[in-house]
Amino acid sequence: MIKISTIVEQLQHRLFKTVVTNNLVYNTSWEDPRIDRKLLDLDSNSKVVMLTSAGDNTLDYLLDKPQIIHSVDSNPAQNALLELKMALFKHGNQTLLWEFFGDGKKPGANMIYNQQIRSWLPPFAQRYWDKNISYFTPNSLLPSFYYRGTSGKFALMIRNRIMRKGLYPQMLELLNADTLEEQSYHFEEIEPKLWSSFQKWLIRQPATMAMLGVPSTQRRMIEDHYRGGLLHFVRSSLKQVFTKLPLKNNYFWRVYITGSYTLGCSPNYLREEHFDKLHKHIDKINTHTSTLLKFLKNNPGKYSHFVLLDHQDWMADKKPVTLAKEWKEILKNAVSGSRILFRSAGATLDFLPDFVFDHVTFIPEKTKNLHQYDRVGTYESTHLGIVQ
């Protein structure tokens, strides 16, 4: 007889797979490239294979002028988002780039898209944005692109609660605080008022985690490590980010709270001083709608860098055979000294296949030090491996 827990687990996995297959999940990248670039040491000889997410970090890495970046994602919507950003660089209009992705909204987006941007996109991205370019047209319920997609809808729900509670002015004071002492004061005032019984219940639900792109495997990793479970992890992470690190340059949390970036608090790809460099090198980025495993099989080469985000967690207990196959392909396509960077909801690397440690040396003394400065704060650990 099949256990109820097994059936629930299967349904949770199916829900997660449905969410992340064709829907736009990540409307902004949720990994800190400031840490990544310190660990990766990219240069003009670098050949990078990475997962796309929202494409922000793909563009950030391009500032180090690598030879080529292959940005891979099995979800075509995520690659279409990166292609739209790339199209705005190819079009050569920094003002439009800022309006679409800095302000997060552009009245008349549909007309501008058809007249100026569409022709710069590959066919698959044209098909996606022909249907969805209205994401950038603001309305009273959805005032920003950053409240679109599944993670954006969750962010909007949190923002609406902040507004209903009358906490928005103080939240802005928190974001604009000049010192950590000011941040701590505002955070301690605001934080208890955010967590009603409903919010505490909601954060524990598999459907909520699926919307945020968090698979059941990661949820279990967190629950196994934290006595208070997922809710304790979330609250601890928020306290670290909002009281221990300066918020004035934390664009990750600002954009979800306010719906937009500011000129002084935005990803590097949106900064005017970087536009010309990215415009010049934008053709070094190639997008691939594929799993990482299939990409490496179909595009064999000698790559110097692999950026896996938190992708390894997704396969940790559900697909150990696939996880092993992926690592074999990574090692087959790596050179001595290749760097492999990823994050995890777990604290250790015990979910990796044993053979990985025969070929890769991990340097926790470096990653642990940098991880404490991660402006996102929603991962338990960061890992860098060097291929022997």
Protein backbone atom coordinates (compact mmCIF):
# COMPACT_ATOMS: atom_id res chain seq x y z
CA MET A 1 0.00 0.00 0.00
CA ILE A 2 1.36 3.41 -0.98
CA LYS A 3 1.95 5.72 1.95
CA ILE A 4 0.05 9.02 2.07
CA SER A 5 3.36 10.83 2.55
CA THR A 6 4.65 9.30 -0.69
CA ILE A 7 1.59 10.48 -2.61
CA VAL A 8 1.92 13.98 -1.14
CA GLU A 9 5.60 14.02 -2.07
CA GLN A 10 4.80 13.02 -5.64
CA LEU A 11 2.15 15.73 -5.92
CA GLN A 12 4.56 18.34 -4.55
CA HIS A 13 7.21 17.31 -7.08
CA ARG A 14 4.67 17.46 -9.92
CA LEU A 15 3.54 20.93 -8.84
CA PHE A 16 7.13 22.18 -8.68
CA LYS A 17 7.91 20.73 -12.11
CA THR A 18 4.81 22.36 -13.60
CA VAL A 19 5.72 25.76 -12.14
CA VAL A 20 9.35 25.82 -13.30
CA THR A 21 8.92 24.25 -16.75
CA ASN A 22 7.35 27.04 -18.81
CA ASN A 23 6.36 29.82 -16.43
CA LEU A 24 8.55 32.79 -15.68
CA VAL A 25 9.72 31.95 -12.16
CA TYR A 26 12.64 34.31 -11.54
CA ASN A 27 12.20 37.89 -12.72
CA THR A 28 15.49 38.91 -11.09
CA SER A 29 18.54 36.82 -10.25
CA TRP A 30 18.73 35.70 -6.64
CA GLU A 31 22.47 35.09 -6.25
CA ASP A 32 25.00 37.75 -5.33
CA PRO A 33 27.45 38.30 -8.25
CA ARG A 34 29.71 40.46 -6.09
CA ILE A 35 30.71 37.27 -4.27
CA ASP A 36 30.68 35.18 -7.44
CA ARG A 37 33.20 37.33 -9.27
CA LYS A 38 35.60 37.26 -6.32
CA LEU A 39 35.49 33.48 -6.39
CA LEU A 40 35.50 32.92 -10.14
CA ASP A 41 38.49 35.10 -11.20
CA LEU A 42 37.17 35.51 -14.73
CA ASP A 43 39.41 36.87 -17.48
CA SER A 44 39.63 37.10 -21.27
CA ASN A 45 40.42 33.37 -21.58
CA SER A 46 37.43 32.21 -19.55
CA LYS A 47 34.86 29.94 -21.13
CA VAL A 48 31.83 29.92 -18.87
CA VAL A 49 28.89 27.53 -18.64
CA MET A 50 26.19 28.75 -16.27
CA LEU A 51 22.51 28.49 -15.49
CA THR A 52 20.46 31.46 -16.65
CA SER A 53 17.93 32.25 -13.92
CA ALA A 54 16.90 35.83 -14.79
CA GLY A 55 20.15 36.57 -16.64
CA ASP A 56 21.32 39.42 -14.41
CA ASN A 57 24.44 37.58 -13.33
CA THR A 58 25.22 36.45 -16.86
CA LEU A 59 25.47 40.14 -17.75
CA ASP A 60 27.40 40.89 -14.56
CA TYR A 61 30.07 38.29 -15.42
CA LEU A 62 30.38 39.82 -18.88
CA LEU A 63 31.99 42.87 -17.27
CA ASP A 64 35.09 40.71 -16.72
CA LYS A 65 35.23 40.18 -20.51
CA PRO A 66 35.32 36.36 -20.65
CA GLN A 67 35.86 34.73 -24.02
CA ILE A 68 32.34 33.27 -24.09
CA ILE A 69 29.39 32.61 -21.78
CA HIS A 70 26.94 29.79 -22.43
CA SER A 71 23.79 30.56 -20.42
CA VAL A 72 21.74 27.39 -20.07
CA ASP A 73 18.23 26.88 -18.70
CA SER A 74 15.62 24.19 -19.26
CA ASN A 75 12.90 26.83 -18.87
CA PRO A 76 12.53 28.82 -22.12
CA ALA A 77 10.89 31.72 -20.27
CA GLN A 78 14.08 32.38 -18.32
CA ASN A 79 16.18 32.46 -21.48
CA ALA A 80 13.60 34.70 -23.15
CA LEU A 81 14.04 37.15 -20.29
CA LEU A 82 17.81 37.24 -20.75
CA GLU A 83 17.36 37.64 -24.50
CA LEU A 84 15.12 40.67 -23.92
CA LYS A 85 17.81 42.29 -21.79
CA MET A 86 20.41 41.46 -24.43
CA ALA A 87 18.18 42.94 -27.13
CA LEU A 88 18.09 46.26 -25.32
CA PHE A 89 21.89 46.31 -25.29
CA LYS A 90 22.01 45.40 -28.97
CA HIS A 91 19.48 48.13 -29.69
CA GLY A 92 21.87 50.51 -27.94
CA ASN A 93 19.34 52.39 -25.84
CA GLN A 94 20.35 52.68 -22.19
CA THR A 95 17.30 54.78 -21.34
CA LEU A 96 14.94 52.05 -22.51
CA LEU A 97 16.93 49.44 -20.63
CA TRP A 98 16.52 51.43 -17.43
CA GLU A 99 12.83 52.07 -17.95
CA PHE A 100 12.06 48.40 -18.58
CA PHE A 101 14.32 46.86 -15.94
CA GLY A 102 15.32 49.72 -13.62
CA ASP A 103 11.90 51.29 -13.16
CA GLY A 104 10.28 47.92 -13.87
CA LYS A 105 7.58 49.51 -15.99
CA LYS A 106 7.12 51.28 -19.30
CA PRO A 107 3.78 52.74 -20.42
CA GLY A 108 3.31 51.89 -24.09
CA ALA A 109 5.63 48.88 -23.75
CA ASN A 110 3.77 46.94 -26.43
CA MET A 111 4.27 49.60 -29.13
CA ILE A 112 7.92 50.17 -28.22
CA TYR A 113 8.53 46.44 -28.22
CA ASN A 114 7.06 45.97 -31.69
CA GLN A 115 8.73 49.02 -33.22
CA GLN A 116 12.18 48.91 -31.62
CA ILE A 117 13.00 45.73 -29.74
CA ARG A 118 11.32 42.69 -31.28
CA SER A 119 13.59 42.47 -34.32
CA TRP A 120 16.64 42.05 -32.05
CA LEU A 121 15.22 38.87 -30.49
CA PRO A 122 15.59 35.26 -31.69
CA PRO A 123 12.31 33.56 -32.76
CA PHE A 124 11.68 31.67 -29.50
CA ALA A 125 12.02 34.88 -27.47
CA GLN A 126 9.79 36.75 -29.92
CA ARG A 127 7.08 34.15 -29.40
CA TYR A 128 7.33 34.51 -25.63
CA TRP A 129 7.33 38.31 -25.51
CA ASP A 130 4.64 38.65 -28.21
CA LYS A 131 2.36 37.16 -25.55
CA ASN A 132 3.86 38.68 -22.41
CA ILE A 133 5.32 42.12 -23.14
CA SER A 134 2.36 43.57 -21.23
CA TYR A 135 4.22 42.51 -18.06
CA PHE A 136 5.94 45.90 -18.33
CA THR A 137 2.71 47.89 -18.65
CA PRO A 138 1.80 48.95 -15.10
CA ASN A 139 -1.68 48.87 -13.64
CA SER A 140 -3.16 49.43 -10.19
CA LEU A 141 -2.91 45.76 -9.21
CA LEU A 142 0.45 44.98 -10.84
CA PRO A 143 2.50 48.18 -10.78
CA SER A 144 5.81 46.62 -11.81
CA PHE A 145 7.37 43.84 -13.87
CA TYR A 146 8.96 42.67 -10.62
CA TYR A 147 5.56 41.57 -9.39
CA ARG A 148 5.11 39.32 -12.41
CA GLY A 149 6.11 35.68 -12.63
CA THR A 150 5.63 33.25 -9.80
CA SER A 151 8.27 34.67 -7.47
CA GLY A 152 7.02 38.18 -8.25
CA LYS A 153 3.48 37.28 -7.21
CA PHE A 154 4.78 36.14 -3.85
CA ALA A 155 6.77 39.37 -3.50
CA LEU A 156 3.63 41.38 -4.29
CA MET A 157 1.72 39.57 -1.58
CA ILE A 158 4.39 40.51 0.98
CA ARG A 159 4.48 44.11 -0.29
CA ASN A 160 0.69 44.37 -0.01
CA ARG A 161 0.86 43.18 3.58
CA ILE A 162 3.50 45.80 4.34
CA MET A 163 1.21 48.44 2.83
CA ARG A 164 -1.90 47.23 4.70
CA LYS A 165 -0.03 47.27 7.98
CA GLY A 166 1.06 50.86 7.34
CA LEU A 167 4.71 49.79 7.49
CA TYR A 168 5.82 50.99 4.06
CA PRO A 169 7.24 54.38 5.16
CA GLN A 170 9.29 52.71 7.87
CA MET A 171 10.39 50.02 5.43
CA LEU A 172 11.77 52.76 3.17
CA GLU A 173 13.60 54.23 6.17
CA LEU A 174 15.07 50.79 6.76
CA LEU A 175 16.25 50.48 3.15
CA ASN A 176 17.76 53.98 3.21
CA ALA A 177 19.33 53.79 6.67
CA ASP A 178 22.87 55.16 6.94
CA THR A 179 24.12 52.79 9.65
CA LEU A 180 23.64 49.22 10.81
CA GLU A 181 22.33 50.59 14.11
CA GLU A 182 19.53 52.41 12.26
CA GLN A 183 18.77 49.29 10.24
CA SER A 184 18.54 47.16 13.39
CA TYR A 185 16.21 49.66 15.05
CA HIS A 186 13.78 49.75 12.11
CA PHE A 187 13.95 45.99 11.52
CA GLU A 188 13.16 45.14 15.14
CA GLU A 189 10.17 47.48 14.95
CA ILE A 190 8.84 46.06 11.67
CA GLU A 191 9.61 42.34 11.74
CA PRO A 192 7.16 41.11 14.43
CA LYS A 193 4.29 42.91 12.70
CA LEU A 194 4.80 41.01 9.45
CA TRP A 195 4.19 37.52 10.77
CA SER A 196 0.53 36.75 11.29
CA SER A 197 -0.62 33.17 11.79
CA PHE A 198 -1.56 33.09 8.12
CA GLN A 199 1.90 34.19 6.97
CA LYS A 200 3.52 31.60 9.20
CA TRP A 201 1.24 28.95 7.73
CA LEU A 202 1.78 30.15 4.17
CA ILE A 203 5.57 30.03 4.27
CA ARG A 204 5.41 26.36 5.23
CA GLN A 205 3.24 25.34 2.27
CA PRO A 206 4.76 23.37 -0.64
CA ALA A 207 2.77 25.44 -3.15
CA THR A 208 4.37 28.63 -1.81
CA MET A 209 7.84 27.14 -2.11
CA ALA A 210 7.08 25.92 -5.64
CA MET A 211 6.11 29.48 -6.63
CA LEU A 212 9.48 30.65 -5.33
CA GLY A 213 11.31 27.94 -7.28
CA VAL A 214 12.19 25.96 -4.14
CA PRO A 215 11.87 22.16 -4.63
CA SER A 216 10.89 19.76 -1.87
CA THR A 217 14.50 18.56 -1.58
CA GLN A 218 15.69 22.00 -0.55
CA ARG A 219 12.83 22.40 1.88
CA ARG A 220 13.81 19.16 3.59
CA MET A 221 17.46 20.23 3.76
CA ILE A 222 16.39 23.36 5.61
CA GLU A 223 13.97 21.55 7.92
CA ASP A 224 16.61 18.93 8.79
CA HIS A 225 19.18 21.58 9.69
CA TYR A 226 16.97 24.07 11.57
CA ARG A 227 15.11 22.97 14.66
CA GLY A 228 12.44 25.57 13.98
CA GLY A 229 12.10 24.45 10.37
CA LEU A 230 11.54 26.64 7.34
CA LEU A 231 9.99 29.56 9.22
CA HIS A 232 12.96 29.79 11.57
CA PHE A 233 15.35 29.70 8.60
CA VAL A 234 13.49 32.51 6.80
CA ARG A 235 13.35 34.74 9.89
CA SER A 236 17.03 34.12 10.70
CA SER A 237 18.01 34.89 7.11
CA LEU A 238 16.06 38.14 7.11
CA LYS A 239 17.67 39.24 10.36
CA GLN A 240 21.14 38.58 8.96
CA VAL A 241 20.49 40.54 5.77
CA PHE A 242 18.60 43.45 7.32
CA THR A 243 20.70 44.02 10.44
CA LYS A 244 24.23 42.77 9.68
CA LEU A 245 24.84 44.03 6.14
CA PRO A 246 24.41 47.54 4.66
CA LEU A 247 21.12 47.83 2.80
CA LYS A 248 21.96 50.88 0.71
CA ASN A 249 23.46 48.68 -2.01
CA ASN A 250 21.21 45.65 -1.47
CA TYR A 251 19.22 45.80 -4.68
CA PHE A 252 17.93 42.23 -4.26
CA TRP A 253 15.53 43.11 -1.45
CA ARG A 254 14.86 46.69 -2.53
CA VAL A 255 13.34 45.66 -5.85
CA TYR A 256 10.86 43.24 -4.28
CA ILE A 257 9.80 45.71 -1.61
CA THR A 258 9.49 48.78 -3.85
CA GLY A 259 9.03 47.29 -7.33
CA SER A 260 12.01 49.15 -8.78
CA TYR A 261 15.70 49.87 -8.41
CA THR A 262 17.34 53.25 -7.84
CA LEU A 263 20.31 54.66 -9.72
CA GLY A 264 22.48 54.05 -6.67
CA CYS A 265 21.08 50.62 -5.86
CA SER A 266 20.77 48.38 -8.90
CA PRO A 267 22.48 45.44 -10.60
CA ASN A 268 25.65 46.31 -12.49
CA TYR A 269 24.08 45.68 -15.89
CA LEU A 270 21.71 48.60 -15.32
CA ARG A 271 24.39 51.12 -14.38
CA GLU A 272 25.06 53.71 -17.05
CA GLU A 273 28.84 53.46 -16.65
CA HIS A 274 28.74 49.80 -17.73
CA PHE A 275 26.41 50.13 -20.71
CA ASP A 276 28.99 50.69 -23.44
CA LYS A 277 31.17 47.79 -22.30
CA LEU A 278 28.23 45.39 -22.19
CA HIS A 279 26.96 46.68 -25.54
CA LYS A 280 30.37 45.96 -27.05
CA HIS A 281 30.64 42.40 -25.67
CA ILE A 282 26.98 41.31 -25.65
CA ASP A 283 27.47 38.84 -28.53
CA LYS A 284 29.72 36.74 -26.28
CA ILE A 285 26.58 35.44 -24.56
CA ASN A 286 24.76 32.46 -26.06
CA THR A 287 21.52 31.14 -24.56
CA HIS A 288 20.57 27.47 -24.67
CA THR A 289 17.19 26.05 -23.70
CA SER A 290 18.31 22.70 -22.38
CA THR A 291 19.24 20.84 -19.25
CA LEU A 292 22.85 21.27 -18.27
CA LEU A 293 23.47 17.57 -18.88
CA LYS A 294 22.14 17.71 -22.45
CA PHE A 295 24.01 20.93 -23.17
CA LEU A 296 27.35 19.41 -22.18
CA LYS A 297 26.68 16.27 -24.20
CA ASN A 298 25.69 18.28 -27.27
CA ASN A 299 28.37 20.95 -26.89
CA PRO A 300 31.56 19.21 -25.75
CA GLY A 301 34.46 21.52 -25.01
CA LYS A 302 37.03 22.57 -22.49
CA TYR A 303 35.28 25.02 -20.19
CA SER A 304 37.02 26.96 -17.44
CA HIS A 305 34.03 27.87 -15.27
CA PHE A 306 30.74 26.26 -14.29
CA VAL A 307 28.14 28.23 -12.31
CA LEU A 308 25.40 25.89 -11.10
CA LEU A 309 23.36 28.19 -8.81
CA ASP A 310 21.43 25.91 -6.39
CA HIS A 311 20.64 23.40 -9.11
CA GLN A 312 22.49 20.55 -7.37
CA ASP A 313 19.98 20.57 -4.52
CA TRP A 314 17.15 19.88 -6.92
CA MET A 315 18.53 16.44 -7.76
CA ALA A 316 20.04 15.54 -4.40
CA ASP A 317 17.57 12.82 -3.42
CA LYS A 318 15.10 12.75 -6.32
CA LYS A 319 17.55 12.15 -9.15
CA PRO A 320 20.88 10.86 -7.81
CA VAL A 321 21.60 9.02 -11.06
CA THR A 322 21.08 12.21 -13.07
CA LEU A 323 23.19 14.14 -10.58
CA ALA A 324 26.05 11.67 -11.07
CA LYS A 325 25.72 11.82 -14.86
CA GLU A 326 25.83 15.61 -14.76
CA TRP A 327 29.00 15.65 -12.69
CA LYS A 328 30.65 13.15 -15.05
CA GLU A 329 29.86 15.46 -17.97
CA ILE A 330 31.13 18.49 -16.07
CA LEU A 331 34.42 16.77 -15.33
CA LYS A 332 34.69 15.46 -18.90
CA ASN A 333 34.35 19.03 -20.21
CA ALA A 334 36.53 20.73 -17.59
CA VAL A 335 40.23 21.55 -17.68
CA SER A 336 42.67 21.37 -14.80
CA GLY A 337 41.95 24.43 -12.66
CA SER A 338 38.33 24.82 -13.82
CA ARG A 339 36.20 26.49 -11.17
CA ILE A 340 32.79 25.15 -10.20
CA LEU A 341 30.57 27.44 -8.14
CA PHE A 342 27.22 26.63 -6.57
CA ARG A 343 25.02 27.32 -3.56
CA SER A 344 22.96 25.02 -1.39
CA ALA A 345 20.17 25.04 1.14
CA GLY A 346 22.22 22.47 3.06
CA ALA A 347 25.29 23.07 5.18
CA THR A 348 27.42 20.23 3.79
CA LEU A 349 28.38 18.56 0.51
CA ASP A 350 27.35 15.07 1.53
CA PHE A 351 24.74 14.93 -1.24
CA LEU A 352 27.40 14.94 -3.99
CA PRO A 353 28.51 11.68 -5.64
CA ASP A 354 31.62 10.25 -3.97
CA PHE A 355 33.70 10.32 -7.15
CA VAL A 356 33.45 14.13 -7.30
CA PHE A 357 35.85 14.44 -4.38
CA ASP A 358 38.47 12.40 -6.26
CA HIS A 359 38.65 15.07 -8.94
CA VAL A 360 37.58 18.34 -7.29
CA THR A 361 39.12 20.20 -4.36
CA PHE A 362 36.72 22.40 -2.41
CA ILE A 363 37.98 25.46 -0.53
CA PRO A 364 35.53 26.12 2.34
CA GLU A 365 37.95 28.48 4.09
CA LYS A 366 37.39 30.98 1.27
CA THR A 367 33.68 30.44 0.60
CA LYS A 368 32.62 30.51 4.26
CA ASN A 369 34.27 33.88 4.76
CA LEU A 370 32.58 35.42 1.71
CA HIS A 371 29.22 33.71 2.30
CA GLN A 372 28.57 35.83 5.41
CA TYR A 373 28.53 38.91 3.15
CA ASP A 374 25.95 37.50 0.73
CA ARG A 375 23.33 40.21 0.23
CA VAL A 376 20.60 37.71 -0.67
CA GLY A 377 20.96 35.61 2.46
CA THR A 378 18.61 32.79 1.51
CA TYR A 379 21.18 30.01 1.04
CA GLU A 380 22.84 28.07 3.83
CA SER A 381 26.16 27.65 2.03
CA THR A 382 28.29 28.63 -0.96
CA HIS A 383 30.76 26.19 -2.51
CA LEU A 384 33.70 26.57 -4.88
CA GLY A 385 35.45 23.56 -6.31
CA ILE A 386 38.72 23.52 -8.28
CA VAL A 387 39.17 20.68 -10.76
CA GLN A 388 42.46 18.86 -10.18
